[in-house]
Amino acid sequence: MTTLLITALPLILGVLVIRGLEALDRTRYPVRGISPSYFASVALLFGLFASLVATDAWQRTSKTTLALSTEVSGLRAMLRIGEIEQQEGASIKAAVLSYVDEVRTRELSSTGRVDAFAPPPAGLHTLYKIGTASGAFQGNTSVNSSYLAALETVRAARLQRLELARNQIPPRHMVILFLMGLLTQIAIGFSHGGNRVAMAYSVMLFSLAFSGAIYFISAFDDPYSAGYHASFAELAEVV
């Protein structure tokens, strides 16, 4: 709901700018004679700042996807070891299933944000107990080392994923982005002074593009948005 309100804000601002400039035309201070290219200088600053914010969100999306893929690969590696080592196989599969279920419930839901320093899933503890038990994997140190390496990969990837989920775009950056967009809307309106139809069309056209940019930035910045669902669904396919 919050994302929809933020996305609709540029459209609301566009309507207010149009109404304000129309009211200004009915006063003794109408805006006339401004070059149509005037808005380009303001729009350039808006585009620059918007691209910086979008790049930040995009990079975090890529890093989160990579961390999740690494986490899933580590879980699959442990499952493959469990298929070879029949003695620990059932325990490994049950622990991985517990881990996946708890992660999806606590960490990958919109109501289950977990801090990077919160207690890890119980399944992770169980997986460590299996690997550190005396005589694990029939005393095969090579297999045991591979298992523990995969487990450490899972743990590190999980922590990285949680840390990335916490580091969202600062509110002040979004405020500056909206301010730049508002100034661009006003500049576009000024550049069409005296032509109400052209002003309305131009301002609202930019407002639609502005709204679309905000939507995609918000989607990439939210770890529980549709942009992440495909990657997060991989955890359900592990077992």
C-alpha atoms as a PDB file:
ATOM      1  CA  MET A   1       0.000   0.000   0.000  1.00  0.00           C
ATOM      2  CA  THR A   2       2.818   2.385   0.877  1.00  0.00           C
ATOM      3  CA  THR A   3       4.521   1.665  -2.454  1.00  0.00           C
ATOM      4  CA  LEU A   4       1.327   2.524  -4.345  1.00  0.00           C
ATOM      5  CA  LEU A   5       0.977   5.824  -2.484  1.00  0.00           C
ATOM      6  CA  ILE A   6       4.599   6.745  -3.185  1.00  0.00           C
ATOM      7  CA  THR A   7       4.143   5.809  -6.843  1.00  0.00           C
ATOM      8  CA  ALA A   8       0.986   7.941  -7.150  1.00  0.00           C
ATOM      9  CA  LEU A   9       2.629  10.981  -5.538  1.00  0.00           C
ATOM     10  CA  PRO A  10       4.293  12.232  -8.781  1.00  0.00           C
ATOM     11  CA  LEU A  11       0.890  12.221 -10.506  1.00  0.00           C
ATOM     12  CA  ILE A  12      -0.628  14.207  -7.649  1.00  0.00           C
ATOM     13  CA  LEU A  13       2.253  16.672  -7.779  1.00  0.00           C
ATOM     14  CA  GLY A  14       1.779  17.006 -11.550  1.00  0.00           C
ATOM     15  CA  VAL A  15      -1.891  17.932 -11.124  1.00  0.00           C
ATOM     16  CA  LEU A  16      -1.024  20.456  -8.410  1.00  0.00           C
ATOM     17  CA  VAL A  17       1.665  22.042 -10.611  1.00  0.00           C
ATOM     18  CA  ILE A  18      -0.789  22.403 -13.496  1.00  0.00           C
ATOM     19  CA  ARG A  19      -3.454  23.932 -11.249  1.00  0.00           C
ATOM     20  CA  GLY A  20      -0.931  26.271  -9.680  1.00  0.00           C
ATOM     21  CA  LEU A  21       0.393  27.547 -13.014  1.00  0.00           C
ATOM     22  CA  GLU A  22      -3.139  27.988 -14.349  1.00  0.00           C
ATOM     23  CA  ALA A  23      -3.986  30.049 -11.280  1.00  0.00           C
ATOM     24  CA  LEU A  24      -0.809  32.080 -11.811  1.00  0.00           C
ATOM     25  CA  ASP A  25      -1.905  32.868 -15.380  1.00  0.00           C
ATOM     26  CA  ARG A  26      -5.044  34.519 -13.989  1.00  0.00           C
ATOM     27  CA  THR A  27      -3.021  36.933 -11.914  1.00  0.00           C
ATOM     28  CA  ARG A  28      -0.913  39.926 -12.926  1.00  0.00           C
ATOM     29  CA  TYR A  29       2.184  37.695 -12.971  1.00  0.00           C
ATOM     30  CA  PRO A  30       1.666  35.188 -15.818  1.00  0.00           C
ATOM     31  CA  VAL A  31       4.689  33.241 -17.064  1.00  0.00           C
ATOM     32  CA  ARG A  32       5.579  34.106 -20.665  1.00  0.00           C
ATOM     33  CA  GLY A  33       8.573  34.036 -22.994  1.00  0.00           C
ATOM     34  CA  ILE A  34      10.560  31.219 -21.405  1.00  0.00           C
ATOM     35  CA  SER A  35      12.525  29.067 -23.854  1.00  0.00           C
ATOM     36  CA  PRO A  36      11.148  25.496 -24.214  1.00  0.00           C
ATOM     37  CA  SER A  37      14.647  24.179 -23.582  1.00  0.00           C
ATOM     38  CA  TYR A  38      14.715  25.817 -20.142  1.00  0.00           C
ATOM     39  CA  PHE A  39      13.482  22.686 -18.399  1.00  0.00           C
ATOM     40  CA  ALA A  40      16.387  20.624 -19.777  1.00  0.00           C
ATOM     41  CA  SER A  41      18.865  21.951 -17.204  1.00  0.00           C
ATOM     42  CA  VAL A  42      16.599  20.947 -14.299  1.00  0.00           C
ATOM     43  CA  ALA A  43      15.585  17.658 -15.922  1.00  0.00           C
ATOM     44  CA  LEU A  44      19.262  16.764 -16.359  1.00  0.00           C
ATOM     45  CA  LEU A  45      19.827  17.046 -12.598  1.00  0.00           C
ATOM     46  CA  PHE A  46      16.716  14.947 -11.908  1.00  0.00           C
ATOM     47  CA  GLY A  47      17.834  12.263 -14.375  1.00  0.00           C
ATOM     48  CA  LEU A  48      21.316  12.182 -12.881  1.00  0.00           C
ATOM     49  CA  PHE A  49      20.096  11.765  -9.321  1.00  0.00           C
ATOM     50  CA  ALA A  50      17.420   9.237 -10.322  1.00  0.00           C
ATOM     51  CA  SER A  51      20.020   7.126 -12.129  1.00  0.00           C
ATOM     52  CA  LEU A  52      22.280   7.157  -9.053  1.00  0.00           C
ATOM     53  CA  VAL A  53      19.447   6.017  -6.778  1.00  0.00           C
ATOM     54  CA  ALA A  54      18.328   3.353  -9.270  1.00  0.00           C
ATOM     55  CA  THR A  55      21.897   2.076  -9.667  1.00  0.00           C
ATOM     56  CA  ASP A  56      22.222   1.719  -5.896  1.00  0.00           C
ATOM     57  CA  ALA A  57      18.996  -0.307  -5.698  1.00  0.00           C
ATOM     58  CA  TRP A  58      19.931  -2.396  -8.755  1.00  0.00           C
ATOM     59  CA  GLN A  59      23.352  -3.294  -7.383  1.00  0.00           C
ATOM     60  CA  ARG A  60      21.796  -4.375  -4.092  1.00  0.00           C
ATOM     61  CA  THR A  61      19.302  -6.522  -6.019  1.00  0.00           C
ATOM     62  CA  SER A  62      22.120  -8.231  -7.914  1.00  0.00           C
ATOM     63  CA  LYS A  63      24.110  -8.841  -4.733  1.00  0.00           C
ATOM     64  CA  THR A  64      21.044 -10.233  -2.940  1.00  0.00           C
ATOM     65  CA  THR A  65      20.288 -12.578  -5.822  1.00  0.00           C
ATOM     66  CA  LEU A  66      23.896 -13.765  -5.871  1.00  0.00           C
ATOM     67  CA  ALA A  67      23.891 -14.321  -2.090  1.00  0.00           C
ATOM     68  CA  LEU A  68      20.679 -16.321  -2.308  1.00  0.00           C
ATOM     69  CA  SER A  69      21.993 -18.425  -5.179  1.00  0.00           C
ATOM     70  CA  THR A  70      25.143 -19.146  -3.164  1.00  0.00           C
ATOM     71  CA  GLU A  71      23.011 -20.110  -0.172  1.00  0.00           C
ATOM     72  CA  VAL A  72      20.902 -22.472  -2.252  1.00  0.00           C
ATOM     73  CA  SER A  73      23.996 -24.013  -3.879  1.00  0.00           C
ATOM     74  CA  GLY A  74      25.458 -24.746  -0.441  1.00  0.00           C
ATOM     75  CA  LEU A  75      22.264 -26.447   0.696  1.00  0.00           C
ATOM     76  CA  ARG A  76      22.167 -28.557  -2.443  1.00  0.00           C
ATOM     77  CA  ALA A  77      25.815 -29.540  -1.933  1.00  0.00           C
ATOM     78  CA  MET A  78      24.992 -30.837   1.551  1.00  0.00           C
ATOM     79  CA  LEU A  79      22.013 -32.758   0.208  1.00  0.00           C
ATOM     80  CA  ARG A  80      24.246 -34.433  -2.389  1.00  0.00           C
ATOM     81  CA  ILE A  81      26.650 -35.441   0.376  1.00  0.00           C
ATOM     82  CA  GLY A  82      23.690 -36.840   2.303  1.00  0.00           C
ATOM     83  CA  GLU A  83      22.710 -38.964  -0.692  1.00  0.00           C
ATOM     84  CA  ILE A  84      26.159 -40.574  -0.650  1.00  0.00           C
ATOM     85  CA  GLU A  85      26.481 -40.942   3.117  1.00  0.00           C
ATOM     86  CA  GLN A  86      23.372 -42.939   3.995  1.00  0.00           C
ATOM     87  CA  GLN A  87      24.025 -42.780   7.743  1.00  0.00           C
ATOM     88  CA  GLU A  88      23.601 -38.997   7.905  1.00  0.00           C
ATOM     89  CA  GLY A  89      21.443 -38.614   4.800  1.00  0.00           C
ATOM     90  CA  ALA A  90      18.039 -38.624   6.494  1.00  0.00           C
ATOM     91  CA  SER A  91      19.209 -36.232   9.226  1.00  0.00           C
ATOM     92  CA  ILE A  92      20.726 -33.826   6.707  1.00  0.00           C
ATOM     93  CA  LYS A  93      17.571 -33.776   4.589  1.00  0.00           C
ATOM     94  CA  ALA A  94      15.353 -33.164   7.637  1.00  0.00           C
ATOM     95  CA  ALA A  95      17.625 -30.355   8.882  1.00  0.00           C
ATOM     96  CA  VAL A  96      17.741 -28.684   5.451  1.00  0.00           C
ATOM     97  CA  LEU A  97      13.949 -28.911   5.202  1.00  0.00           C
ATOM     98  CA  SER A  98      13.653 -27.282   8.643  1.00  0.00           C
ATOM     99  CA  TYR A  99      16.107 -24.570   7.624  1.00  0.00           C
ATOM    100  CA  VAL A 100      14.258 -23.797   4.378  1.00  0.00           C
ATOM    101  CA  ASP A 101      10.871 -23.709   6.101  1.00  0.00           C
ATOM    102  CA  GLU A 102      12.063 -21.382   8.852  1.00  0.00           C
ATOM    103  CA  VAL A 103      13.915 -19.083   6.450  1.00  0.00           C
ATOM    104  CA  ARG A 104      10.874 -18.734   4.194  1.00  0.00           C
ATOM    105  CA  THR A 105       8.619 -18.025   7.178  1.00  0.00           C
ATOM    106  CA  ARG A 106      10.847 -15.691   9.192  1.00  0.00           C
ATOM    107  CA  GLU A 107      13.175 -14.054   6.682  1.00  0.00           C
ATOM    108  CA  LEU A 108      11.563 -14.108   3.245  1.00  0.00           C
ATOM    109  CA  SER A 109       8.092 -12.818   4.066  1.00  0.00           C
ATOM    110  CA  SER A 110       6.869  -9.214   4.155  1.00  0.00           C
ATOM    111  CA  THR A 111       6.022  -9.565   7.860  1.00  0.00           C
ATOM    112  CA  GLY A 112       9.084 -11.528   8.875  1.00  0.00           C
ATOM    113  CA  ARG A 113      12.038  -9.164   8.607  1.00  0.00           C
ATOM    114  CA  VAL A 114      14.963 -10.566  10.585  1.00  0.00           C
ATOM    115  CA  ASP A 115      18.039  -8.652  11.631  1.00  0.00           C
ATOM    116  CA  ALA A 116      21.391  -9.962  10.430  1.00  0.00           C
ATOM    117  CA  PHE A 117      22.378 -10.601  14.061  1.00  0.00           C
ATOM    118  CA  ALA A 118      19.158 -12.388  15.011  1.00  0.00           C
ATOM    119  CA  PRO A 119      19.386 -16.057  16.099  1.00  0.00           C
ATOM    120  CA  PRO A 120      19.853 -18.302  13.039  1.00  0.00           C
ATOM    121  CA  PRO A 121      17.296 -20.963  12.093  1.00  0.00           C
ATOM    122  CA  ALA A 122      17.245 -24.098  14.247  1.00  0.00           C
ATOM    123  CA  GLY A 123      17.987 -26.163  11.146  1.00  0.00           C
ATOM    124  CA  LEU A 124      21.384 -24.484  10.848  1.00  0.00           C
ATOM    125  CA  HIS A 125      22.319 -25.585  14.367  1.00  0.00           C
ATOM    126  CA  THR A 126      21.260 -29.128  13.533  1.00  0.00           C
ATOM    127  CA  LEU A 127      23.384 -29.133  10.397  1.00  0.00           C
ATOM    128  CA  TYR A 128      26.413 -28.037  12.435  1.00  0.00           C
ATOM    129  CA  LYS A 129      25.788 -30.775  15.002  1.00  0.00           C
ATOM    130  CA  ILE A 130      25.743 -33.380  12.221  1.00  0.00           C
ATOM    131  CA  GLY A 131      29.073 -32.198  10.814  1.00  0.00           C
ATOM    132  CA  THR A 132      30.835 -31.877  14.167  1.00  0.00           C
ATOM    133  CA  ALA A 133      29.592 -35.133  15.686  1.00  0.00           C
ATOM    134  CA  SER A 134      32.235 -37.710  16.605  1.00  0.00           C
ATOM    135  CA  GLY A 135      32.720 -40.196  13.773  1.00  0.00           C
ATOM    136  CA  ALA A 136      30.583 -38.223  11.354  1.00  0.00           C
ATOM    137  CA  PHE A 137      30.477 -39.565   7.784  1.00  0.00           C
ATOM    138  CA  GLN A 138      32.091 -42.822   8.936  1.00  0.00           C
ATOM    139  CA  GLY A 139      35.250 -40.936   9.845  1.00  0.00           C
ATOM    140  CA  ASN A 140      35.837 -39.752   6.267  1.00  0.00           C
ATOM    141  CA  THR A 141      37.608 -36.439   6.863  1.00  0.00           C
ATOM    142  CA  SER A 142      37.487 -35.456   3.187  1.00  0.00           C
ATOM    143  CA  VAL A 143      33.692 -35.717   3.047  1.00  0.00           C
ATOM    144  CA  ASN A 144      33.392 -34.035   6.425  1.00  0.00           C
ATOM    145  CA  SER A 145      35.525 -31.099   5.244  1.00  0.00           C
ATOM    146  CA  SER A 146      33.415 -30.702   2.103  1.00  0.00           C
ATOM    147  CA  TYR A 147      30.242 -30.780   4.185  1.00  0.00           C
ATOM    148  CA  LEU A 148      31.493 -28.164   6.652  1.00  0.00           C
ATOM    149  CA  ALA A 149      32.743 -25.955   3.794  1.00  0.00           C
ATOM    150  CA  ALA A 150      29.296 -26.036   2.195  1.00  0.00           C
ATOM    151  CA  LEU A 151      27.718 -25.274   5.562  1.00  0.00           C
ATOM    152  CA  GLU A 152      29.987 -22.263   6.090  1.00  0.00           C
ATOM    153  CA  THR A 153      29.041 -21.047   2.614  1.00  0.00           C
ATOM    154  CA  VAL A 154      25.358 -21.217   3.558  1.00  0.00           C
ATOM    155  CA  ARG A 155      25.928 -19.352   6.807  1.00  0.00           C
ATOM    156  CA  ALA A 156      27.987 -16.572   5.184  1.00  0.00           C
ATOM    157  CA  ALA A 157      25.534 -16.166   2.283  1.00  0.00           C
ATOM    158  CA  ARG A 158      22.577 -15.945   4.681  1.00  0.00           C
ATOM    159  CA  LEU A 159      24.255 -13.218   6.722  1.00  0.00           C
ATOM    160  CA  GLN A 160      25.104 -11.273   3.571  1.00  0.00           C
ATOM    161  CA  ARG A 161      21.521 -11.584   2.311  1.00  0.00           C
ATOM    162  CA  LEU A 162      20.089 -10.332   5.604  1.00  0.00           C
ATOM    163  CA  GLU A 163      22.538  -7.446   5.755  1.00  0.00           C
ATOM    164  CA  LEU A 164      21.639  -6.391   2.216  1.00  0.00           C
ATOM    165  CA  ALA A 165      17.933  -6.525   3.098  1.00  0.00           C
ATOM    166  CA  ARG A 166      18.533  -3.996   5.888  1.00  0.00           C
ATOM    167  CA  ASN A 167      20.463  -1.502   3.761  1.00  0.00           C
ATOM    168  CA  GLN A 168      17.656   0.173   1.851  1.00  0.00           C
ATOM    169  CA  ILE A 169      17.686   3.594   0.182  1.00  0.00           C
ATOM    170  CA  PRO A 170      17.847   6.326   2.875  1.00  0.00           C
ATOM    171  CA  PRO A 171      14.607   8.376   3.133  1.00  0.00           C
ATOM    172  CA  ARG A 172      16.530  11.608   2.513  1.00  0.00           C
ATOM    173  CA  HIS A 173      17.588  10.314  -0.910  1.00  0.00           C
ATOM    174  CA  MET A 174      13.959   9.681  -1.845  1.00  0.00           C
ATOM    175  CA  VAL A 175      12.993  13.150  -0.564  1.00  0.00           C
ATOM    176  CA  ILE A 176      15.678  14.739  -2.746  1.00  0.00           C
ATOM    177  CA  LEU A 177      14.517  12.666  -5.718  1.00  0.00           C
ATOM    178  CA  PHE A 178      10.927  13.878  -5.268  1.00  0.00           C
ATOM    179  CA  LEU A 179      12.146  17.465  -4.894  1.00  0.00           C
ATOM    180  CA  MET A 180      14.140  17.212  -8.141  1.00  0.00           C
ATOM    181  CA  GLY A 181      11.101  15.727  -9.881  1.00  0.00           C
ATOM    182  CA  LEU A 182       8.831  18.503  -8.606  1.00  0.00           C
ATOM    183  CA  LEU A 183      11.239  21.177  -9.814  1.00  0.00           C
ATOM    184  CA  THR A 184      11.348  19.496 -13.225  1.00  0.00           C
ATOM    185  CA  GLN A 185       7.532  19.472 -13.395  1.00  0.00           C
ATOM    186  CA  ILE A 186       7.471  23.198 -12.626  1.00  0.00           C
ATOM    187  CA  ALA A 187      10.184  23.899 -15.208  1.00  0.00           C
ATOM    188  CA  ILE A 188       8.236  21.984 -17.873  1.00  0.00           C
ATOM    189  CA  GLY A 189       5.118  23.986 -16.999  1.00  0.00           C
ATOM    190  CA  PHE A 190       7.027  27.278 -17.241  1.00  0.00           C
ATOM    191  CA  SER A 191       8.436  26.342 -20.642  1.00  0.00           C
ATOM    192  CA  HIS A 192       4.856  26.019 -21.999  1.00  0.00           C
ATOM    193  CA  GLY A 193       3.565  29.263 -20.552  1.00  0.00           C
ATOM    194  CA  GLY A 194       0.473  30.544 -22.362  1.00  0.00           C
ATOM    195  CA  ASN A 195      -0.450  27.150 -23.828  1.00  0.00           C
ATOM    196  CA  ARG A 196      -2.586  25.368 -21.235  1.00  0.00           C
ATOM    197  CA  VAL A 197      -3.129  22.208 -23.267  1.00  0.00           C
ATOM    198  CA  ALA A 198       0.565  21.730 -24.107  1.00  0.00           C
ATOM    199  CA  MET A 199       1.482  22.451 -20.497  1.00  0.00           C
ATOM    200  CA  ALA A 200      -0.981  19.895 -19.127  1.00  0.00           C
ATOM    201  CA  TYR A 201       0.077  17.181 -21.582  1.00  0.00           C
ATOM    202  CA  SER A 202       3.797  17.788 -21.073  1.00  0.00           C
ATOM    203  CA  VAL A 203       3.670  17.912 -17.277  1.00  0.00           C
ATOM    204  CA  MET A 204       1.500  14.798 -16.999  1.00  0.00           C
ATOM    205  CA  LEU A 205       3.625  12.898 -19.516  1.00  0.00           C
ATOM    206  CA  PHE A 206       6.693  13.567 -17.391  1.00  0.00           C
ATOM    207  CA  SER A 207       4.683  12.750 -14.259  1.00  0.00           C
ATOM    208  CA  LEU A 208       3.851   9.311 -15.660  1.00  0.00           C
ATOM    209  CA  ALA A 209       7.533   8.674 -16.399  1.00  0.00           C
ATOM    210  CA  PHE A 210       8.435  10.030 -12.946  1.00  0.00           C
ATOM    211  CA  SER A 211       5.865   7.703 -11.335  1.00  0.00           C
ATOM    212  CA  GLY A 212       7.188   4.700 -13.274  1.00  0.00           C
ATOM    213  CA  ALA A 213      10.756   5.465 -12.179  1.00  0.00           C
ATOM    214  CA  ILE A 214       9.676   5.658  -8.526  1.00  0.00           C
ATOM    215  CA  TYR A 215       7.803   2.362  -8.837  1.00  0.00           C
ATOM    216  CA  PHE A 216      10.776   0.448 -10.236  1.00  0.00           C
ATOM    217  CA  ILE A 217      13.210   2.006  -7.752  1.00  0.00           C
ATOM    218  CA  SER A 218      10.890   1.044  -4.875  1.00  0.00           C
ATOM    219  CA  ALA A 219      10.476  -2.473  -6.270  1.00  0.00           C
ATOM    220  CA  PHE A 220      14.224  -3.060  -6.559  1.00  0.00           C
ATOM    221  CA  ASP A 221      14.800  -1.571  -3.107  1.00  0.00           C
ATOM    222  CA  ASP A 222      12.261  -3.858  -1.393  1.00  0.00           C
ATOM    223  CA  PRO A 223      13.660  -7.371  -0.761  1.00  0.00           C
ATOM    224  CA  TYR A 224      10.120  -8.759  -0.550  1.00  0.00           C
ATOM    225  CA  SER A 225       8.888  -7.333  -3.849  1.00  0.00           C
ATOM    226  CA  ALA A 226       8.043  -9.265  -6.997  1.00  0.00           C
ATOM    227  CA  GLY A 227      11.545  -8.691  -8.306  1.00  0.00           C
ATOM    228  CA  TYR A 228      12.928 -11.056  -5.673  1.00  0.00           C
ATOM    229  CA  HIS A 229      10.188 -13.695  -5.608  1.00  0.00           C
ATOM    230  CA  ALA A 230      11.686 -15.750  -8.405  1.00  0.00           C
ATOM    231  CA  SER A 231      15.021 -15.982  -6.624  1.00  0.00           C
ATOM    232  CA  PHE A 232      13.537 -16.611  -3.191  1.00  0.00           C
ATOM    233  CA  ALA A 233      11.407 -19.428  -4.638  1.00  0.00           C
ATOM    234  CA  GLU A 234      14.606 -21.389  -5.300  1.00  0.00           C
ATOM    235  CA  LEU A 235      14.820 -22.228  -1.620  1.00  0.00           C
ATOM    236  CA  ALA A 236      11.560 -24.144  -1.853  1.00  0.00           C
ATOM    237  CA  GLU A 237      13.047 -26.307  -4.619  1.00  0.00           C
ATOM    238  CA  VAL A 238      16.048 -27.411  -2.580  1.00  0.00           C
ATOM    239  CA  VAL A 239      14.235 -30.396  -1.075  1.00  0.00           C
END
